[in-house]
Amino acid sequence: MIRPQIDAFGWDQRNINLTGVLDVSYWTKVLDVSADELHRAVQEAGTHVDAVRQFLADRQLPLPLDLQS
């Protein structure tokens, strides 16, 4: 359903734009991450989709506080 919107609006599918609600919603679904994770990945890796995918694949998420000991 999002695909026709991408084609109609000419969204850049190589770079992640975090300024629009639809953009963030699209990329969180595509990359299967939360908005916070997406923002962190873009901050660390840049906006290029391949770099963000690599960052997400390589990331080492800390354990929740209640599981650390």
N, C-alpha and C. Protein backbone atom coordinates (compact mmCIF):
# COMPACT_ATOMS: atom_id res chain seq x y z
N MET A 1 0.82 -1.19 0.00
CA MET A 1 0.00 0.00 0.00
C MET A 1 0.87 1.26 0.00
N ILE A 2 2.00 1.23 0.66
CA ILE A 2 2.88 2.39 0.69
C ILE A 2 3.59 2.57 -0.65
N ARG A 3 3.83 1.47 -1.36
CA ARG A 3 4.58 1.53 -2.62
C ARG A 3 4.01 2.53 -3.62
N PRO A 4 2.69 2.55 -3.87
CA PRO A 4 2.17 3.56 -4.81
C PRO A 4 2.43 4.99 -4.34
N GLN A 5 2.41 5.22 -3.01
CA GLN A 5 2.68 6.55 -2.50
C GLN A 5 4.13 6.94 -2.78
N ILE A 6 5.03 6.00 -2.65
CA ILE A 6 6.45 6.27 -2.91
C ILE A 6 6.63 6.67 -4.36
N ASP A 7 6.04 5.89 -5.26
CA ASP A 7 6.16 6.19 -6.68
C ASP A 7 5.48 7.51 -7.05
N ALA A 8 4.32 7.76 -6.46
CA ALA A 8 3.57 8.97 -6.79
C ALA A 8 4.29 10.23 -6.32
N PHE A 9 4.91 10.18 -5.15
CA PHE A 9 5.57 11.36 -4.61
C PHE A 9 7.04 11.44 -4.98
N GLY A 10 7.58 10.39 -5.60
CA GLY A 10 8.97 10.40 -6.02
C GLY A 10 9.94 10.39 -4.84
N TRP A 11 9.59 9.68 -3.77
CA TRP A 11 10.48 9.61 -2.61
C TRP A 11 11.79 8.96 -2.98
N ASP A 12 12.84 9.45 -2.38
CA ASP A 12 14.18 8.91 -2.57
C ASP A 12 14.31 7.65 -1.72
N GLN A 13 14.45 6.51 -2.36
CA GLN A 13 14.51 5.24 -1.64
C GLN A 13 15.94 4.86 -1.27
N ARG A 14 16.91 5.69 -1.60
CA ARG A 14 18.30 5.42 -1.25
C ARG A 14 18.74 6.15 0.01
N ASN A 15 17.98 7.15 0.40
CA ASN A 15 18.32 7.95 1.57
C ASN A 15 17.11 8.06 2.49
N ILE A 16 17.38 8.05 3.77
CA ILE A 16 16.32 8.10 4.78
C ILE A 16 16.13 9.54 5.22
N ASN A 17 14.91 10.01 5.09
CA ASN A 17 14.54 11.36 5.49
C ASN A 17 13.70 11.23 6.77
N LEU A 18 14.16 11.84 7.85
CA LEU A 18 13.46 11.73 9.12
C LEU A 18 12.57 12.93 9.42
N THR A 19 12.34 13.80 8.45
CA THR A 19 11.58 15.02 8.72
C THR A 19 10.08 14.84 8.60
N GLY A 20 9.64 13.80 7.92
CA GLY A 20 8.21 13.60 7.73
C GLY A 20 7.69 12.37 8.46
N VAL A 21 6.49 12.47 8.97
CA VAL A 21 5.88 11.35 9.70
C VAL A 21 5.74 10.13 8.78
N LEU A 22 5.34 10.35 7.55
CA LEU A 22 5.19 9.23 6.61
C LEU A 22 6.54 8.58 6.32
N ASP A 23 7.58 9.39 6.21
CA ASP A 23 8.92 8.85 5.96
C ASP A 23 9.37 7.96 7.11
N VAL A 24 9.23 8.45 8.32
CA VAL A 24 9.63 7.68 9.49
C VAL A 24 8.81 6.41 9.59
N SER A 25 7.52 6.52 9.37
CA SER A 25 6.63 5.35 9.42
C SER A 25 7.05 4.31 8.38
N TYR A 26 7.33 4.77 7.18
CA TYR A 26 7.76 3.85 6.11
C TYR A 26 9.05 3.13 6.49
N TRP A 27 10.07 3.88 6.91
CA TRP A 27 11.38 3.27 7.18
C TRP A 27 11.35 2.38 8.41
N THR A 28 10.54 2.71 9.41
CA THR A 28 10.46 1.82 10.58
C THR A 28 9.84 0.49 10.18
N LYS A 29 8.88 0.51 9.28
CA LYS A 29 8.26 -0.74 8.80
C LYS A 29 9.23 -1.53 7.92
N VAL A 30 9.88 -0.86 7.00
CA VAL A 30 10.81 -1.52 6.08
C VAL A 30 11.98 -2.14 6.82
N LEU A 31 12.52 -1.41 7.79
CA LEU A 31 13.70 -1.87 8.50
C LEU A 31 13.36 -2.64 9.78
N ASP A 32 12.09 -2.70 10.13
CA ASP A 32 11.61 -3.41 11.31
C ASP A 32 12.31 -2.92 12.59
N VAL A 33 12.26 -1.61 12.78
CA VAL A 33 12.86 -0.97 13.95
C VAL A 33 11.88 0.06 14.51
N SER A 34 12.14 0.50 15.72
CA SER A 34 11.35 1.58 16.30
C SER A 34 11.84 2.92 15.73
N ALA A 35 11.06 3.96 15.96
CA ALA A 35 11.47 5.30 15.52
C ALA A 35 12.76 5.72 16.22
N ASP A 36 12.89 5.39 17.50
CA ASP A 36 14.12 5.74 18.22
C ASP A 36 15.33 5.02 17.64
N GLU A 37 15.17 3.73 17.33
CA GLU A 37 16.26 2.97 16.73
C GLU A 37 16.63 3.55 15.37
N LEU A 38 15.63 3.93 14.60
CA LEU A 38 15.87 4.52 13.29
C LEU A 38 16.64 5.82 13.40
N HIS A 39 16.23 6.69 14.31
CA HIS A 39 16.92 7.96 14.51
C HIS A 39 18.36 7.74 14.93
N ARG A 40 18.58 6.79 15.85
CA ARG A 40 19.95 6.51 16.30
C ARG A 40 20.80 5.97 15.14
N ALA A 41 20.23 5.07 14.35
CA ALA A 41 20.97 4.48 13.23
C ALA A 41 21.36 5.55 12.22
N VAL A 42 20.45 6.46 11.91
CA VAL A 42 20.74 7.53 10.96
C VAL A 42 21.78 8.48 11.55
N GLN A 43 21.68 8.76 12.83
CA GLN A 43 22.66 9.62 13.49
C GLN A 43 24.06 9.01 13.43
N GLU A 44 24.15 7.70 13.62
CA GLU A 44 25.44 7.01 13.64
C GLU A 44 25.98 6.69 12.25
N ALA A 45 25.09 6.29 11.33
CA ALA A 45 25.53 5.77 10.04
C ALA A 45 25.31 6.72 8.86
N GLY A 46 24.52 7.75 9.05
CA GLY A 46 24.19 8.63 7.95
C GLY A 46 22.84 8.25 7.35
N THR A 47 22.46 8.92 6.29
CA THR A 47 21.12 8.72 5.74
C THR A 47 21.02 7.66 4.65
N HIS A 48 22.14 7.19 4.13
CA HIS A 48 22.08 6.20 3.06
C HIS A 48 21.53 4.88 3.59
N VAL A 49 20.54 4.34 2.90
CA VAL A 49 19.85 3.13 3.37
C VAL A 49 20.80 1.96 3.58
N ASP A 50 21.75 1.75 2.68
CA ASP A 50 22.67 0.63 2.85
C ASP A 50 23.52 0.78 4.11
N ALA A 51 23.95 1.99 4.41
CA ALA A 51 24.75 2.24 5.61
C ALA A 51 23.91 2.00 6.86
N VAL A 52 22.66 2.42 6.84
CA VAL A 52 21.77 2.22 7.98
C VAL A 52 21.49 0.73 8.16
N ARG A 53 21.23 0.03 7.07
CA ARG A 53 21.02 -1.43 7.17
C ARG A 53 22.24 -2.12 7.77
N GLN A 54 23.42 -1.72 7.34
CA GLN A 54 24.65 -2.32 7.87
C GLN A 54 24.81 -2.02 9.36
N PHE A 55 24.55 -0.77 9.73
CA PHE A 55 24.63 -0.39 11.14
C PHE A 55 23.67 -1.24 11.97
N LEU A 56 22.44 -1.37 11.50
CA LEU A 56 21.45 -2.15 12.25
C LEU A 56 21.84 -3.62 12.34
N ALA A 57 22.44 -4.15 11.29
CA ALA A 57 22.87 -5.54 11.30
C ALA A 57 24.05 -5.76 12.26
N ASP A 58 24.91 -4.76 12.37
CA ASP A 58 26.12 -4.88 13.19
C ASP A 58 25.95 -4.43 14.64
N ARG A 59 24.84 -3.77 14.92
CA ARG A 59 24.69 -3.16 16.25
C ARG A 59 24.70 -4.20 17.36
N GLN A 60 25.18 -3.76 18.48
CA GLN A 60 25.19 -4.57 19.69
C GLN A 60 24.31 -3.84 20.70
N LEU A 61 23.09 -4.29 20.84
CA LEU A 61 22.18 -3.60 21.77
C LEU A 61 22.48 -4.04 23.19
N PRO A 62 22.53 -3.12 24.13
CA PRO A 62 22.75 -3.49 25.52
C PRO A 62 21.57 -4.27 26.09
N LEU A 63 21.83 -5.12 27.04
CA LEU A 63 20.76 -5.84 27.71
C LEU A 63 19.93 -4.87 28.53
N PRO A 64 18.64 -5.16 28.71
CA PRO A 64 17.84 -4.32 29.60
C PRO A 64 18.46 -4.33 30.99
N LEU A 65 18.28 -3.27 31.74
CA LEU A 65 18.90 -3.13 33.04
C LEU A 65 18.57 -4.29 33.98
N ASP A 66 17.35 -4.80 33.93
CA ASP A 66 16.97 -5.87 34.85
C ASP A 66 17.62 -7.20 34.51
N LEU A 67 18.22 -7.34 33.33
CA LEU A 67 18.89 -8.58 32.94
C LEU A 67 20.40 -8.52 33.12
N GLN A 68 20.94 -7.32 33.33
CA GLN A 68 22.38 -7.18 33.49
C GLN A 68 22.78 -7.52 34.92
N SER A 69 23.86 -8.28 35.07
CA SER A 69 24.40 -8.52 36.40
C SER A 69 25.83 -8.99 36.28
